Amino acid sequence: MAKKSLLEKVEIINSTVRTLVGATLLGGIGVGGWYGYTQFNAKELEAERHAQALSEAHEELELTHAQLEEAGVQIEQKDAEIGDLNVQVEDQQREIERLDTAMRLLKVDHRVARISVVDQRRNEENDSVVTVIEFQELNENGDPLDDVRTFEIAGDVVYVDSWVVKFDDKYVEEADIDRATSLVLFRRLFGERQEPREGFALDQEGTRPKVYGTGAELSDFEKKIWGDFWDVAHDDTKQEELGIRAIHGEAPSIKVKKGKAYRLDLRASGGLSIRIDGDIPVRESPAA
């Protein structure tokens, strides 16, 4: 009984050893097979990995490209919107300038100036009087609008020529200004012993009188208004063609006296009037 038991144990041990040896052999064969497989197919496996990486990179590139295209479309849309807004801003700015100019043109229907007689002396050569005057335009509150200008005229009677400018319907419609708009202009000043053409210009041709301005640069609309006027000022035919009428009334005059001041009122509705406006401070006569 003891021998049999021993034999059985030996048999069990042999079986176990055979199993372990078999498993070891199989494992070795498997590992070796896998190693051999990977070594034999290394290039193909590497190519597959590269192909996979390339495919993933391509997909990522396509996604990025699509995102860039979408972003480009959005940028184009934004640029178009900005362009439209810029056009709107420019249009609105032009409209603001037009309305501002039209309002100022409409508002000025009355201009005021002061003439101060600072000296009078006799010209012995022709036995006439030479009068030295100062001219200064004032605002509605009586404050100076510009610097004093000094003129020396022949005689003691001062003439002031003015223009009242009206716009016909065709110009009103073209320029888009109010129908009641008019321009009131101090044209020139001269003495009784001078021809009008020898007089002194007051509102300078080609410019905008200060009473009509704000000190800012002329807008394109305002340049057109004043440019059109000065372009036709001396041409009746062009005035009719363009629809601008400059009403040339007779220049009013007044006999002036040293030490006196005179007020000029120029109205679109009533023309130009001159009246005494008190005394000026006593001054020393300038050297002859």
C-alpha atoms as a PDB file:
ATOM      1  CA  MET A   1       0.000   0.000   0.000  1.00  0.00           C
ATOM      2  CA  ALA A   2       2.883   2.311   0.837  1.00  0.00           C
ATOM      3  CA  LYS A   3       4.645   1.532  -2.466  1.00  0.00           C
ATOM      4  CA  LYS A   4       1.586   2.273  -4.457  1.00  0.00           C
ATOM      5  CA  SER A   5       1.189   5.531  -2.804  1.00  0.00           C
ATOM      6  CA  LEU A   6       4.781   6.435  -3.544  1.00  0.00           C
ATOM      7  CA  LEU A   7       4.409   5.514  -7.203  1.00  0.00           C
ATOM      8  CA  GLU A   8       1.354   7.632  -7.477  1.00  0.00           C
ATOM      9  CA  LYS A   9       3.236  10.566  -6.032  1.00  0.00           C
ATOM     10  CA  VAL A  10       6.062  10.071  -8.468  1.00  0.00           C
ATOM     11  CA  GLU A  11       3.581   9.920 -11.323  1.00  0.00           C
ATOM     12  CA  ILE A  12       1.947  13.127 -10.173  1.00  0.00           C
ATOM     13  CA  ILE A  13       5.307  14.870  -9.985  1.00  0.00           C
ATOM     14  CA  ASN A  14       6.242  13.657 -13.457  1.00  0.00           C
ATOM     15  CA  SER A  15       2.931  14.883 -14.833  1.00  0.00           C
ATOM     16  CA  THR A  16       3.392  18.260 -13.241  1.00  0.00           C
ATOM     17  CA  VAL A  17       6.915  18.564 -14.583  1.00  0.00           C
ATOM     18  CA  ARG A  18       5.741  17.628 -18.060  1.00  0.00           C
ATOM     19  CA  THR A  19       2.978  20.208 -17.855  1.00  0.00           C
ATOM     20  CA  LEU A  20       5.387  22.913 -16.732  1.00  0.00           C
ATOM     21  CA  VAL A  21       7.873  21.998 -19.409  1.00  0.00           C
ATOM     22  CA  GLY A  22       5.132  22.002 -22.024  1.00  0.00           C
ATOM     23  CA  ALA A  23       3.807  25.342 -20.860  1.00  0.00           C
ATOM     24  CA  THR A  24       7.292  26.774 -20.841  1.00  0.00           C
ATOM     25  CA  LEU A  25       7.924  25.499 -24.317  1.00  0.00           C
ATOM     26  CA  LEU A  26       4.611  26.852 -25.547  1.00  0.00           C
ATOM     27  CA  GLY A  27       5.263  30.231 -23.887  1.00  0.00           C
ATOM     28  CA  GLY A  28       8.694  30.373 -25.404  1.00  0.00           C
ATOM     29  CA  ILE A  29       7.320  29.483 -28.767  1.00  0.00           C
ATOM     30  CA  GLY A  30       4.574  32.166 -28.395  1.00  0.00           C
ATOM     31  CA  VAL A  31       6.961  34.901 -27.287  1.00  0.00           C
ATOM     32  CA  GLY A  32       9.423  33.922 -29.895  1.00  0.00           C
ATOM     33  CA  GLY A  33       6.715  33.853 -32.513  1.00  0.00           C
ATOM     34  CA  TRP A  34       5.480  37.311 -31.553  1.00  0.00           C
ATOM     35  CA  TYR A  35       9.018  38.633 -31.460  1.00  0.00           C
ATOM     36  CA  GLY A  36       9.709  37.099 -34.799  1.00  0.00           C
ATOM     37  CA  TYR A  37       6.478  38.456 -36.197  1.00  0.00           C
ATOM     38  CA  THR A  38       7.167  41.977 -35.013  1.00  0.00           C
ATOM     39  CA  GLN A  39      10.740  41.867 -36.258  1.00  0.00           C
ATOM     40  CA  PHE A  40       9.697  40.513 -39.615  1.00  0.00           C
ATOM     41  CA  ASN A  41       6.868  43.024 -40.040  1.00  0.00           C
ATOM     42  CA  ALA A  42       8.549  46.003 -38.304  1.00  0.00           C
ATOM     43  CA  LYS A  43       8.569  48.228 -41.414  1.00  0.00           C
ATOM     44  CA  GLU A  44       4.968  47.448 -42.228  1.00  0.00           C
ATOM     45  CA  LEU A  45       3.877  48.166 -38.652  1.00  0.00           C
ATOM     46  CA  GLU A  46       5.846  51.424 -38.652  1.00  0.00           C
ATOM     47  CA  ALA A  47       4.209  52.394 -41.932  1.00  0.00           C
ATOM     48  CA  GLU A  48       0.787  51.690 -40.455  1.00  0.00           C
ATOM     49  CA  ARG A  49       1.578  53.918 -37.461  1.00  0.00           C
ATOM     50  CA  HIS A  50       2.767  56.700 -39.768  1.00  0.00           C
ATOM     51  CA  ALA A  51      -0.329  56.306 -41.923  1.00  0.00           C
ATOM     52  CA  GLN A  52      -2.554  56.548 -38.862  1.00  0.00           C
ATOM     53  CA  ALA A  53      -0.701  59.629 -37.613  1.00  0.00           C
ATOM     54  CA  LEU A  54      -0.877  61.175 -41.077  1.00  0.00           C
ATOM     55  CA  SER A  55      -4.596  60.499 -41.305  1.00  0.00           C
ATOM     56  CA  GLU A  56      -5.189  62.107 -37.932  1.00  0.00           C
ATOM     57  CA  ALA A  57      -3.031  65.098 -38.900  1.00  0.00           C
ATOM     58  CA  HIS A  58      -4.928  65.436 -42.186  1.00  0.00           C
ATOM     59  CA  GLU A  59      -8.269  65.380 -40.374  1.00  0.00           C
ATOM     60  CA  GLU A  60      -6.997  68.025 -37.947  1.00  0.00           C
ATOM     61  CA  LEU A  61      -5.724  70.114 -40.856  1.00  0.00           C
ATOM     62  CA  GLU A  62      -9.077  69.905 -42.628  1.00  0.00           C
ATOM     63  CA  LEU A  63     -10.828  70.939 -39.423  1.00  0.00           C
ATOM     64  CA  THR A  64      -8.447  73.877 -38.995  1.00  0.00           C
ATOM     65  CA  HIS A  65      -8.922  74.864 -42.642  1.00  0.00           C
ATOM     66  CA  ALA A  66     -12.693  74.780 -42.228  1.00  0.00           C
ATOM     67  CA  GLN A  67     -12.422  76.915 -39.107  1.00  0.00           C
ATOM     68  CA  LEU A  68     -10.192  79.400 -40.951  1.00  0.00           C
ATOM     69  CA  GLU A  69     -12.644  79.581 -43.844  1.00  0.00           C
ATOM     70  CA  GLU A  70     -15.484  80.242 -41.433  1.00  0.00           C
ATOM     71  CA  ALA A  71     -13.409  82.897 -39.672  1.00  0.00           C
ATOM     72  CA  GLY A  72     -12.569  84.455 -43.058  1.00  0.00           C
ATOM     73  CA  VAL A  73     -16.250  84.646 -43.967  1.00  0.00           C
ATOM     74  CA  GLN A  74     -17.009  86.267 -40.626  1.00  0.00           C
ATOM     75  CA  ILE A  75     -14.187  88.783 -41.144  1.00  0.00           C
ATOM     76  CA  GLU A  76     -15.503  89.639 -44.618  1.00  0.00           C
ATOM     77  CA  GLN A  77     -18.970  90.116 -43.174  1.00  0.00           C
ATOM     78  CA  LYS A  78     -17.591  92.359 -40.421  1.00  0.00           C
ATOM     79  CA  ASP A  79     -15.561  94.344 -42.967  1.00  0.00           C
ATOM     80  CA  ALA A  80     -18.679  94.804 -45.079  1.00  0.00           C
ATOM     81  CA  GLU A  81     -20.656  95.909 -42.030  1.00  0.00           C
ATOM     82  CA  ILE A  82     -17.885  98.346 -41.054  1.00  0.00           C
ATOM     83  CA  GLY A  83     -17.800  99.677 -44.623  1.00  0.00           C
ATOM     84  CA  ASP A  84     -21.567 100.203 -44.574  1.00  0.00           C
ATOM     85  CA  LEU A  85     -21.312 101.951 -41.208  1.00  0.00           C
ATOM     86  CA  ASN A  86     -18.527 104.208 -42.501  1.00  0.00           C
ATOM     87  CA  VAL A  87     -20.673 105.166 -45.482  1.00  0.00           C
ATOM     88  CA  GLN A  88     -23.583 105.900 -43.153  1.00  0.00           C
ATOM     89  CA  VAL A  89     -21.341 108.006 -40.914  1.00  0.00           C
ATOM     90  CA  GLU A  90     -20.039 109.964 -43.919  1.00  0.00           C
ATOM     91  CA  ASP A  91     -23.575 110.507 -45.208  1.00  0.00           C
ATOM     92  CA  GLN A  92     -24.748 111.604 -41.784  1.00  0.00           C
ATOM     93  CA  GLN A  93     -21.755 113.929 -41.402  1.00  0.00           C
ATOM     94  CA  ARG A  94     -22.499 115.552 -44.762  1.00  0.00           C
ATOM     95  CA  GLU A  95     -26.140 115.941 -43.782  1.00  0.00           C
ATOM     96  CA  ILE A  96     -25.149 117.506 -40.446  1.00  0.00           C
ATOM     97  CA  GLU A  97     -22.832 119.928 -42.252  1.00  0.00           C
ATOM     98  CA  ARG A  98     -25.556 120.777 -44.764  1.00  0.00           C
ATOM     99  CA  LEU A  99     -28.158 121.390 -42.077  1.00  0.00           C
ATOM    100  CA  ASP A 100     -25.707 123.439 -40.012  1.00  0.00           C
ATOM    101  CA  THR A 101     -24.767 125.594 -42.995  1.00  0.00           C
ATOM    102  CA  ALA A 102     -28.354 125.976 -44.165  1.00  0.00           C
ATOM    103  CA  MET A 103     -29.391 127.010 -40.657  1.00  0.00           C
ATOM    104  CA  ARG A 104     -26.628 129.607 -40.357  1.00  0.00           C
ATOM    105  CA  LEU A 105     -27.403 131.011 -43.807  1.00  0.00           C
ATOM    106  CA  LEU A 106     -31.066 131.253 -42.911  1.00  0.00           C
ATOM    107  CA  LYS A 107     -30.375 132.775 -39.512  1.00  0.00           C
ATOM    108  CA  VAL A 108     -28.238 135.672 -40.781  1.00  0.00           C
ATOM    109  CA  ASP A 109     -30.654 138.172 -42.302  1.00  0.00           C
ATOM    110  CA  HIS A 110     -29.228 141.186 -40.492  1.00  0.00           C
ATOM    111  CA  ARG A 111     -25.695 142.510 -40.240  1.00  0.00           C
ATOM    112  CA  VAL A 112     -24.373 145.392 -38.176  1.00  0.00           C
ATOM    113  CA  ALA A 113     -21.198 147.446 -38.448  1.00  0.00           C
ATOM    114  CA  ARG A 114     -19.792 150.631 -36.977  1.00  0.00           C
ATOM    115  CA  ILE A 115     -17.936 153.425 -38.735  1.00  0.00           C
ATOM    116  CA  SER A 116     -15.805 155.651 -36.523  1.00  0.00           C
ATOM    117  CA  VAL A 117     -14.479 158.919 -37.980  1.00  0.00           C
ATOM    118  CA  VAL A 118     -11.063 159.290 -36.382  1.00  0.00           C
ATOM    119  CA  ASP A 119      -9.717 162.177 -38.449  1.00  0.00           C
ATOM    120  CA  GLN A 120     -10.549 164.717 -41.110  1.00  0.00           C
ATOM    121  CA  ARG A 121      -8.082 167.034 -42.780  1.00  0.00           C
ATOM    122  CA  ARG A 122      -7.982 169.257 -45.802  1.00  0.00           C
ATOM    123  CA  ASN A 123      -6.124 168.314 -48.927  1.00  0.00           C
ATOM    124  CA  GLU A 124      -4.544 171.586 -50.008  1.00  0.00           C
ATOM    125  CA  GLU A 125      -3.770 170.317 -53.482  1.00  0.00           C
ATOM    126  CA  ASN A 126      -7.383 170.067 -54.584  1.00  0.00           C
ATOM    127  CA  ASP A 127      -9.079 171.867 -51.695  1.00  0.00           C
ATOM    128  CA  SER A 128     -10.941 168.738 -50.612  1.00  0.00           C
ATOM    129  CA  VAL A 129     -11.439 166.870 -47.374  1.00  0.00           C
ATOM    130  CA  VAL A 130      -9.671 163.621 -46.558  1.00  0.00           C
ATOM    131  CA  THR A 131     -11.546 161.483 -44.035  1.00  0.00           C
ATOM    132  CA  VAL A 132      -9.964 158.655 -42.043  1.00  0.00           C
ATOM    133  CA  ILE A 133     -12.498 156.107 -40.841  1.00  0.00           C
ATOM    134  CA  GLU A 134     -12.444 152.812 -38.994  1.00  0.00           C
ATOM    135  CA  PHE A 135     -14.823 150.050 -40.036  1.00  0.00           C
ATOM    136  CA  GLN A 136     -15.699 147.121 -37.784  1.00  0.00           C
ATOM    137  CA  GLU A 137     -18.465 144.552 -38.030  1.00  0.00           C
ATOM    138  CA  LEU A 138     -20.396 143.713 -34.872  1.00  0.00           C
ATOM    139  CA  ASN A 139     -22.496 140.770 -33.781  1.00  0.00           C
ATOM    140  CA  GLU A 140     -26.085 141.016 -32.584  1.00  0.00           C
ATOM    141  CA  ASN A 141     -24.854 141.867 -29.089  1.00  0.00           C
ATOM    142  CA  GLY A 142     -22.665 144.702 -30.308  1.00  0.00           C
ATOM    143  CA  ASP A 143     -19.391 142.806 -29.834  1.00  0.00           C
ATOM    144  CA  PRO A 144     -16.689 142.972 -32.541  1.00  0.00           C
ATOM    145  CA  LEU A 145     -16.701 140.171 -35.105  1.00  0.00           C
ATOM    146  CA  ASP A 146     -13.377 141.041 -36.669  1.00  0.00           C
ATOM    147  CA  ASP A 147     -10.458 143.446 -36.429  1.00  0.00           C
ATOM    148  CA  VAL A 148     -10.814 147.152 -37.065  1.00  0.00           C
ATOM    149  CA  ARG A 149     -10.001 148.157 -40.634  1.00  0.00           C
ATOM    150  CA  THR A 150      -8.875 151.684 -41.403  1.00  0.00           C
ATOM    151  CA  PHE A 151      -9.655 153.462 -44.675  1.00  0.00           C
ATOM    152  CA  GLU A 152      -8.802 156.883 -46.018  1.00  0.00           C
ATOM    153  CA  ILE A 153     -11.477 158.270 -48.328  1.00  0.00           C
ATOM    154  CA  ALA A 154     -11.714 161.365 -50.474  1.00  0.00           C
ATOM    155  CA  GLY A 155     -14.453 163.669 -49.191  1.00  0.00           C
ATOM    156  CA  ASP A 156     -16.614 163.892 -46.112  1.00  0.00           C
ATOM    157  CA  VAL A 157     -19.541 161.913 -47.493  1.00  0.00           C
ATOM    158  CA  VAL A 158     -19.262 158.149 -47.058  1.00  0.00           C
ATOM    159  CA  TYR A 159     -21.040 155.690 -49.333  1.00  0.00           C
ATOM    160  CA  VAL A 160     -21.520 152.055 -48.364  1.00  0.00           C
ATOM    161  CA  ASP A 161     -22.518 149.634 -51.100  1.00  0.00           C
ATOM    162  CA  SER A 162     -24.274 146.422 -50.144  1.00  0.00           C
ATOM    163  CA  TRP A 163     -25.599 143.267 -51.719  1.00  0.00           C
ATOM    164  CA  VAL A 164     -28.702 141.355 -50.765  1.00  0.00           C
ATOM    165  CA  VAL A 165     -28.593 137.970 -52.459  1.00  0.00           C
ATOM    166  CA  LYS A 166     -31.675 135.866 -53.108  1.00  0.00           C
ATOM    167  CA  PHE A 167     -31.924 132.311 -54.411  1.00  0.00           C
ATOM    168  CA  ASP A 168     -34.463 131.216 -57.008  1.00  0.00           C
ATOM    169  CA  ASP A 169     -36.403 127.982 -56.658  1.00  0.00           C
ATOM    170  CA  LYS A 170     -34.150 125.995 -58.980  1.00  0.00           C
ATOM    171  CA  TYR A 171     -31.085 126.761 -56.861  1.00  0.00           C
ATOM    172  CA  VAL A 172     -32.983 126.143 -53.632  1.00  0.00           C
ATOM    173  CA  GLU A 173     -33.990 122.705 -54.887  1.00  0.00           C
ATOM    174  CA  GLU A 174     -30.515 121.846 -56.167  1.00  0.00           C
ATOM    175  CA  ALA A 175     -28.596 123.048 -53.103  1.00  0.00           C
ATOM    176  CA  ASP A 176     -31.325 121.951 -50.668  1.00  0.00           C
ATOM    177  CA  ILE A 177     -31.488 125.188 -48.687  1.00  0.00           C
ATOM    178  CA  ASP A 178     -34.487 126.953 -47.195  1.00  0.00           C
ATOM    179  CA  ARG A 179     -36.451 129.160 -49.581  1.00  0.00           C
ATOM    180  CA  ALA A 180     -36.216 132.072 -47.150  1.00  0.00           C
ATOM    181  CA  THR A 181     -32.416 132.014 -47.266  1.00  0.00           C
ATOM    182  CA  SER A 182     -30.625 135.167 -48.383  1.00  0.00           C
ATOM    183  CA  LEU A 183     -27.094 136.522 -48.159  1.00  0.00           C
ATOM    184  CA  VAL A 184     -26.475 140.037 -46.885  1.00  0.00           C
ATOM    185  CA  LEU A 185     -23.080 141.421 -47.842  1.00  0.00           C
ATOM    186  CA  PHE A 186     -21.143 144.608 -47.232  1.00  0.00           C
ATOM    187  CA  ARG A 187     -19.717 145.139 -50.690  1.00  0.00           C
ATOM    188  CA  ARG A 188     -17.528 148.239 -50.580  1.00  0.00           C
ATOM    189  CA  LEU A 189     -17.009 151.673 -49.077  1.00  0.00           C
ATOM    190  CA  PHE A 190     -15.960 154.871 -50.873  1.00  0.00           C
ATOM    191  CA  GLY A 191     -16.028 158.664 -50.620  1.00  0.00           C
ATOM    192  CA  GLU A 192     -17.941 161.235 -52.626  1.00  0.00           C
ATOM    193  CA  ARG A 193     -14.814 162.158 -54.588  1.00  0.00           C
ATOM    194  CA  GLN A 194     -14.120 158.557 -55.559  1.00  0.00           C
ATOM    195  CA  GLU A 195     -15.583 156.324 -58.219  1.00  0.00           C
ATOM    196  CA  PRO A 196     -17.316 153.251 -56.748  1.00  0.00           C
ATOM    197  CA  ARG A 197     -14.802 151.001 -58.487  1.00  0.00           C
ATOM    198  CA  GLU A 198     -12.063 152.851 -56.584  1.00  0.00           C
ATOM    199  CA  GLY A 199     -13.706 151.996 -53.271  1.00  0.00           C
ATOM    200  CA  PHE A 200     -12.484 149.611 -50.588  1.00  0.00           C
ATOM    201  CA  ALA A 201     -13.797 146.032 -50.523  1.00  0.00           C
ATOM    202  CA  LEU A 202     -15.482 145.074 -47.259  1.00  0.00           C
ATOM    203  CA  ASP A 203     -16.533 141.438 -47.721  1.00  0.00           C
ATOM    204  CA  GLN A 204     -13.585 139.970 -49.606  1.00  0.00           C
ATOM    205  CA  GLU A 205     -14.491 138.132 -52.792  1.00  0.00           C
ATOM    206  CA  GLY A 206     -13.997 134.390 -52.640  1.00  0.00           C
ATOM    207  CA  THR A 207     -14.346 134.238 -48.852  1.00  0.00           C
ATOM    208  CA  ARG A 208     -17.068 133.573 -46.315  1.00  0.00           C
ATOM    209  CA  PRO A 209     -17.901 136.596 -44.133  1.00  0.00           C
ATOM    210  CA  LYS A 210     -17.183 135.887 -40.488  1.00  0.00           C
ATOM    211  CA  VAL A 211     -20.785 136.465 -39.473  1.00  0.00           C
ATOM    212  CA  TYR A 212     -21.696 133.317 -41.428  1.00  0.00           C
ATOM    213  CA  GLY A 213     -18.936 131.174 -39.977  1.00  0.00           C
ATOM    214  CA  THR A 214     -18.040 129.415 -36.760  1.00  0.00           C
ATOM    215  CA  GLY A 215     -14.296 129.593 -37.245  1.00  0.00           C
ATOM    216  CA  ALA A 216     -14.261 126.040 -38.571  1.00  0.00           C
ATOM    217  CA  GLU A 217     -13.095 125.070 -42.039  1.00  0.00           C
ATOM    218  CA  LEU A 218     -15.722 125.401 -44.745  1.00  0.00           C
ATOM    219  CA  SER A 219     -17.633 122.218 -45.494  1.00  0.00           C
ATOM    220  CA  ASP A 220     -17.999 121.079 -49.106  1.00  0.00           C
ATOM    221  CA  PHE A 221     -21.620 122.219 -49.050  1.00  0.00           C
ATOM    222  CA  GLU A 222     -20.672 125.674 -47.789  1.00  0.00           C
ATOM    223  CA  LYS A 223     -17.854 125.954 -50.321  1.00  0.00           C
ATOM    224  CA  LYS A 224     -20.419 125.318 -53.043  1.00  0.00           C
ATOM    225  CA  ILE A 225     -22.779 128.034 -51.790  1.00  0.00           C
ATOM    226  CA  TRP A 226     -20.104 130.726 -51.531  1.00  0.00           C
ATOM    227  CA  GLY A 227     -18.237 129.489 -54.590  1.00  0.00           C
ATOM    228  CA  ASP A 228     -21.397 129.678 -56.684  1.00  0.00           C
ATOM    229  CA  PHE A 229     -22.177 133.173 -55.436  1.00  0.00           C
ATOM    230  CA  TRP A 230     -18.761 134.700 -56.019  1.00  0.00           C
ATOM    231  CA  ASP A 231     -18.579 132.967 -59.386  1.00  0.00           C
ATOM    232  CA  VAL A 232     -21.696 134.774 -60.632  1.00  0.00           C
ATOM    233  CA  ALA A 233     -21.411 137.991 -58.616  1.00  0.00           C
ATOM    234  CA  HIS A 234     -20.444 140.084 -61.639  1.00  0.00           C
ATOM    235  CA  ASP A 235     -22.152 138.054 -64.339  1.00  0.00           C
ATOM    236  CA  ASP A 236     -25.888 138.623 -64.763  1.00  0.00           C
ATOM    237  CA  THR A 237     -26.192 135.810 -67.300  1.00  0.00           C
ATOM    238  CA  LYS A 238     -24.639 133.257 -64.949  1.00  0.00           C
ATOM    239  CA  GLN A 239     -26.831 134.524 -62.129  1.00  0.00           C
ATOM    240  CA  GLU A 240     -29.918 133.738 -64.162  1.00  0.00           C
ATOM    241  CA  GLU A 241     -28.603 130.344 -65.248  1.00  0.00           C
ATOM    242  CA  LEU A 242     -27.726 129.260 -61.725  1.00  0.00           C
ATOM    243  CA  GLY A 243     -30.679 130.844 -59.978  1.00  0.00           C
ATOM    244  CA  ILE A 244     -28.846 133.374 -57.802  1.00  0.00           C
ATOM    245  CA  ARG A 245     -29.992 136.991 -57.776  1.00  0.00           C
ATOM    246  CA  ALA A 246     -27.771 139.734 -56.385  1.00  0.00           C
ATOM    247  CA  ILE A 247     -29.906 142.818 -55.826  1.00  0.00           C
ATOM    248  CA  HIS A 248     -27.737 145.872 -56.390  1.00  0.00           C
ATOM    249  CA  GLY A 249     -29.463 148.796 -54.704  1.00  0.00           C
ATOM    250  CA  GLU A 250     -28.114 152.310 -54.608  1.00  0.00           C
ATOM    251  CA  ALA A 251     -25.461 152.707 -51.965  1.00  0.00           C
ATOM    252  CA  PRO A 252     -26.754 154.877 -49.100  1.00  0.00           C
ATOM    253  CA  SER A 253     -24.516 157.695 -47.923  1.00  0.00           C
ATOM    254  CA  ILE A 254     -24.090 160.022 -44.991  1.00  0.00           C
ATOM    255  CA  LYS A 255     -22.025 163.127 -44.354  1.00  0.00           C
ATOM    256  CA  VAL A 256     -19.635 162.286 -41.573  1.00  0.00           C
ATOM    257  CA  LYS A 257     -17.895 164.342 -38.958  1.00  0.00           C
ATOM    258  CA  LYS A 258     -14.709 163.773 -37.009  1.00  0.00           C
ATOM    259  CA  GLY A 259     -15.285 162.257 -33.570  1.00  0.00           C
ATOM    260  CA  LYS A 260     -18.635 160.708 -34.483  1.00  0.00           C
ATOM    261  CA  ALA A 261     -19.620 157.054 -34.812  1.00  0.00           C
ATOM    262  CA  TYR A 262     -22.182 155.709 -37.265  1.00  0.00           C
ATOM    263  CA  ARG A 263     -24.130 152.473 -37.194  1.00  0.00           C
ATOM    264  CA  LEU A 264     -24.810 150.446 -40.315  1.00  0.00           C
ATOM    265  CA  ASP A 265     -27.800 148.087 -40.350  1.00  0.00           C
ATOM    266  CA  LEU A 266     -28.086 145.752 -43.312  1.00  0.00           C
ATOM    267  CA  ARG A 267     -31.276 143.723 -43.498  1.00  0.00           C
ATOM    268  CA  ALA A 268     -32.365 141.210 -46.093  1.00  0.00           C
ATOM    269  CA  SER A 269     -35.850 142.686 -46.032  1.00  0.00           C
ATOM    270  CA  GLY A 270     -35.079 146.404 -45.860  1.00  0.00           C
ATOM    271  CA  GLY A 271     -31.639 147.029 -47.321  1.00  0.00           C
ATOM    272  CA  LEU A 272     -28.925 149.154 -45.719  1.00  0.00           C
ATOM    273  CA  SER A 273     -29.415 152.099 -43.377  1.00  0.00           C
ATOM    274  CA  ILE A 274     -26.837 154.400 -41.747  1.00  0.00           C
ATOM    275  CA  ARG A 275     -27.432 156.517 -38.657  1.00  0.00           C
ATOM    276  CA  ILE A 276     -25.423 158.438 -36.074  1.00  0.00           C
ATOM    277  CA  ASP A 277     -24.345 156.293 -33.122  1.00  0.00           C
ATOM    278  CA  GLY A 278     -22.855 158.776 -30.674  1.00  0.00           C
ATOM    279  CA  ASP A 279     -19.340 160.082 -30.136  1.00  0.00           C
ATOM    280  CA  ILE A 280     -16.037 158.257 -30.104  1.00  0.00           C
ATOM    281  CA  PRO A 281     -13.256 158.914 -27.589  1.00  0.00           C
ATOM    282  CA  VAL A 282     -11.133 161.914 -28.519  1.00  0.00           C
ATOM    283  CA  ARG A 283      -7.957 160.881 -30.311  1.00  0.00           C
ATOM    284  CA  GLU A 284      -4.908 162.689 -31.543  1.00  0.00           C
ATOM    285  CA  SER A 285      -4.901 163.253 -35.279  1.00  0.00           C
ATOM    286  CA  PRO A 286      -2.455 160.983 -37.086  1.00  0.00           C
ATOM    287  CA  ALA A 287       0.482 162.657 -38.732  1.00  0.00           C
ATOM    288  CA  ALA A 288      -0.241 163.902 -42.230  1.00  0.00           C
END
